[in-house]
């Protein structure tokens, strides 16, 4: 539990399609696939479901591929602060498939349960996750 408190204030890469944009900041996320995919595109939507930006990624090989959104819309204007959602599609052979998405979430606090297996990390926007869900810490 004491070691987990060292994670407070750090950003954890976790399975998520939800991004939180703050003014003047960029957002980092990642894509994962078990087989190479071509023509991969990250589509970012606002809370109302409107497409804000499309990021062409190209080829994603097996494993994790990180990306960064600068917070601008398709016209180059700064998108407003708030929550955004992402969808990632790529081609494997003749099929277009959805790829797994990951987002960096800031760890704000730790919740302790009755035993050491129930330590939870509380992340921005009220989310909660297990330490085992973290792929990377920044």
Foldseek 3Di string as FASTA:
>chain_A
DVVVQVQAQWWFKFFFQKDWDDPQAKWKKKWADQAKFAQKKKWKAAPVGHTFDIDGDGIDGHGMDMDMGRQHGPVRHHHHTGMMGIWMWTDDVNDIDTTTMITIWHFHDWDDDPDPQPIWTATPPGDIDGPVRTPDID
